[in-house]
Amino acid sequence: MPALKGGFLTGRQAALPDDASGRVALLAFGFTYNSRFAVEAWVGRFRKDFGDKPKVTFYEIPMIGGMARLGKWFIDSGMRKGTPRADHENVITVYGGTEPWKVRLGYQSPDAAYLILLDQHGIVRWLYTGTFDEESYRSLSDQVTALNAASSSACASANDRRRSANQPHD
């Protein structure tokens, strides 16, 4: 995935896919004010199902272009007030550069959520555009579960190899 830079609601700079490295990550893009409803529906369910998994994360990514960039302080302040503090590192606001991302994501519906699932190495494993629906969510959930299990097995195998290497050999 190409680099995406923006700012977390905490004020810290964000860079994807680097900030998600080592974790399965759902990126939920919204390009309009009304797209937040679709984004929040997807993220809400994702958080409920995977929020307790340390190797899984999500990012809500409002993409703000045009003249709206002039209201950055006001927009960020409003988002901070409307977002629980615990989620401030899960919201990355991107000002400008929205057109290339619209092309990458096949932008057509202003109020849709544009979703990307990255594996632990930043490779795109699943894409979706639209409002929340159970069938599409099951597809996403299956992908996350498989990627998370693969990551857990890889860690277990690496630990087994380390233990074996540290054992005395005859």
Protein backbone atom coordinates (compact mmCIF):
# COMPACT_ATOMS: atom_id res chain seq x y z
CA MET A 1 0.00 0.00 0.00
CA PRO A 2 1.33 3.48 -0.79
CA ALA A 3 2.27 5.61 2.21
CA LEU A 4 -0.50 7.67 3.76
CA LYS A 5 0.40 10.53 6.09
CA GLY A 6 -1.85 12.45 8.40
CA GLY A 7 -2.31 13.25 12.05
CA PHE A 8 -3.77 11.31 14.97
CA LEU A 9 -6.28 13.18 17.12
CA THR A 10 -3.60 13.17 19.83
CA GLY A 11 -1.57 15.51 17.60
CA ARG A 12 1.09 12.91 16.83
CA GLN A 13 2.01 12.42 13.16
CA ALA A 14 0.68 9.23 11.53
CA ALA A 15 2.10 7.21 8.66
CA LEU A 16 0.46 4.10 7.28
CA PRO A 17 1.20 1.30 6.75
CA ASP A 18 4.19 1.81 9.11
CA ASP A 19 2.09 2.64 12.19
CA ALA A 20 0.17 -0.61 11.74
CA SER A 21 3.26 -2.78 11.26
CA GLY A 22 3.01 -6.17 12.95
CA ARG A 23 -0.76 -5.97 13.27
CA VAL A 24 -3.74 -6.77 11.07
CA ALA A 25 -5.33 -3.36 10.43
CA LEU A 26 -8.69 -2.22 9.11
CA LEU A 27 -8.45 1.18 7.42
CA ALA A 28 -11.85 2.84 7.17
CA PHE A 29 -11.77 5.87 4.85
CA GLY A 30 -14.51 8.48 4.62
CA PHE A 31 -14.55 11.32 2.12
CA THR A 32 -17.63 13.28 3.24
CA TYR A 33 -19.23 14.33 6.51
CA ASN A 34 -22.07 11.84 5.95
CA SER A 35 -19.66 8.96 5.25
CA ARG A 36 -18.94 8.92 8.98
CA PHE A 37 -22.15 6.92 9.52
CA ALA A 38 -20.92 4.07 7.30
CA VAL A 39 -17.40 4.25 8.75
CA GLU A 40 -18.69 4.21 12.34
CA ALA A 41 -20.96 1.21 11.64
CA TRP A 42 -18.04 -0.84 10.29
CA VAL A 43 -15.59 0.25 12.99
CA GLY A 44 -18.13 -0.25 15.77
CA ARG A 45 -18.69 -3.87 14.85
CA PHE A 46 -14.99 -4.46 14.20
CA ARG A 47 -14.07 -3.03 17.61
CA LYS A 48 -16.71 -5.21 19.30
CA ASP A 49 -15.36 -8.38 17.66
CA PHE A 50 -11.61 -7.70 17.61
CA GLY A 51 -10.96 -4.91 20.12
CA ASP A 52 -9.44 -7.33 22.65
CA LYS A 53 -6.92 -8.73 20.15
CA PRO A 54 -3.51 -7.06 20.60
CA LYS A 55 -2.37 -7.95 17.05
CA VAL A 56 -5.47 -6.40 15.42
CA THR A 57 -6.25 -2.70 15.12
CA PHE A 58 -8.32 -0.22 13.13
CA TYR A 59 -8.02 3.34 11.90
CA GLU A 60 -10.83 5.71 10.98
CA ILE A 61 -9.45 7.99 8.28
CA PRO A 62 -11.39 11.15 7.43
CA MET A 63 -10.03 12.40 4.08
CA ILE A 64 -10.49 16.16 3.95
CA GLY A 65 -9.81 18.02 0.74
CA GLY A 66 -10.57 21.30 -0.91
CA MET A 67 -11.31 24.41 1.09
CA ALA A 68 -12.21 22.40 4.20
CA ARG A 69 -8.47 22.25 4.93
CA LEU A 70 -8.71 25.89 5.99
CA GLY A 71 -10.84 24.76 8.95
CA LYS A 72 -8.28 22.19 10.19
CA TRP A 73 -8.13 23.45 13.77
CA PHE A 74 -11.92 23.66 14.05
CA ILE A 75 -12.44 20.24 12.41
CA ASP A 76 -9.80 18.50 14.56
CA SER A 77 -11.14 20.11 17.73
CA GLY A 78 -14.68 18.93 16.92
CA MET A 79 -13.48 15.40 16.18
CA ARG A 80 -11.49 15.25 19.43
CA LYS A 81 -14.58 16.29 21.39
CA GLY A 82 -16.76 13.72 19.59
CA THR A 83 -14.31 10.82 19.90
CA PRO A 84 -13.55 8.99 23.15
CA ARG A 85 -9.99 9.79 24.28
CA ALA A 86 -9.09 6.07 24.15
CA ASP A 87 -9.73 6.16 20.37
CA HIS A 88 -7.67 9.27 19.56
CA GLU A 89 -4.81 7.09 18.29
CA ASN A 90 -7.29 5.25 16.03
CA VAL A 91 -8.38 8.34 14.09
CA ILE A 92 -6.03 9.70 11.43
CA THR A 93 -7.13 12.92 9.77
CA VAL A 94 -5.68 13.51 6.31
CA TYR A 95 -5.81 17.03 4.87
CA GLY A 96 -5.20 17.26 1.14
CA GLY A 97 -4.06 14.66 -1.35
CA THR A 98 -7.52 13.10 -1.46
CA GLU A 99 -7.78 12.78 -5.24
CA PRO A 100 -5.12 10.05 -5.67
CA TRP A 101 -6.80 8.07 -2.87
CA LYS A 102 -10.19 8.45 -4.52
CA VAL A 103 -8.69 6.94 -7.67
CA ARG A 104 -6.99 4.10 -5.73
CA LEU A 105 -10.20 3.25 -3.90
CA GLY A 106 -12.51 3.55 -6.90
CA TYR A 107 -14.44 6.45 -5.36
CA GLN A 108 -18.01 6.70 -6.62
CA SER A 109 -20.33 6.96 -3.64
CA PRO A 110 -19.69 10.01 -1.43
CA ASP A 111 -21.36 8.61 1.68
CA ALA A 112 -19.82 5.12 1.57
CA ALA A 113 -17.06 3.72 3.74
CA TYR A 114 -13.97 2.71 1.77
CA LEU A 115 -12.30 -0.17 3.59
CA ILE A 116 -8.84 -1.73 3.28
CA LEU A 117 -7.61 -4.64 5.37
CA LEU A 118 -3.83 -4.82 5.74
CA ASP A 119 -1.94 -7.85 6.94
CA GLN A 120 0.93 -7.62 9.44
CA HIS A 121 3.32 -6.61 6.63
CA GLY A 122 1.18 -3.81 5.18
CA ILE A 123 -0.08 -5.89 2.25
CA VAL A 124 -3.68 -5.29 1.18
CA ARG A 125 -5.72 -8.46 1.80
CA TRP A 126 -9.32 -7.26 1.47
CA LEU A 127 -11.17 -4.27 -0.02
CA TYR A 128 -14.77 -3.14 0.26
CA THR A 129 -16.85 -0.07 -0.51
CA GLY A 130 -20.27 0.61 0.94
CA THR A 131 -22.44 0.64 4.00
CA PHE A 132 -22.32 -2.06 6.64
CA ASP A 133 -23.90 -5.41 5.79
CA GLU A 134 -23.56 -8.77 7.54
CA GLU A 135 -22.41 -10.80 4.53
CA SER A 136 -19.54 -8.44 3.73
CA TYR A 137 -18.65 -8.20 7.41
CA ARG A 138 -18.42 -12.00 7.64
CA SER A 139 -15.95 -11.92 4.74
CA LEU A 140 -13.87 -9.28 6.56
CA SER A 141 -14.09 -11.14 9.87
CA ASP A 142 -12.97 -14.41 8.26
CA GLN A 143 -9.94 -12.66 6.73
CA VAL A 144 -8.98 -11.03 10.04
CA THR A 145 -9.35 -14.31 11.93
CA ALA A 146 -7.20 -16.19 9.38
CA LEU A 147 -4.49 -13.51 9.32
CA ASN A 148 -4.43 -13.27 13.11
CA ALA A 149 -4.20 -17.08 13.44
CA ALA A 150 -1.38 -17.19 10.87
CA SER A 151 0.48 -14.52 12.82
CA SER A 152 0.01 -16.42 16.10
CA SER A 153 1.26 -19.69 14.53
CA ALA A 154 4.28 -17.93 13.03
CA CYS A 155 5.15 -16.48 16.46
CA ALA A 156 4.72 -19.89 18.12
CA SER A 157 6.95 -21.53 15.49
CA ALA A 158 9.64 -18.89 15.94
CA ASN A 159 9.52 -19.39 19.73
CA ASP A 160 9.78 -23.17 19.26
CA ARG A 161 12.84 -22.69 17.00
CA ARG A 162 14.46 -20.39 19.59
CA ARG A 163 13.82 -22.88 22.41
CA SER A 164 15.21 -25.73 20.30
CA ALA A 165 18.31 -23.72 19.41
CA ASN A 166 18.95 -23.07 23.11
CA GLN A 167 18.70 -26.74 24.10
CA PRO A 168 21.92 -28.71 24.55
CA HIS A 169 22.60 -31.09 21.68
CA ASP A 170 24.22 -34.51 22.08
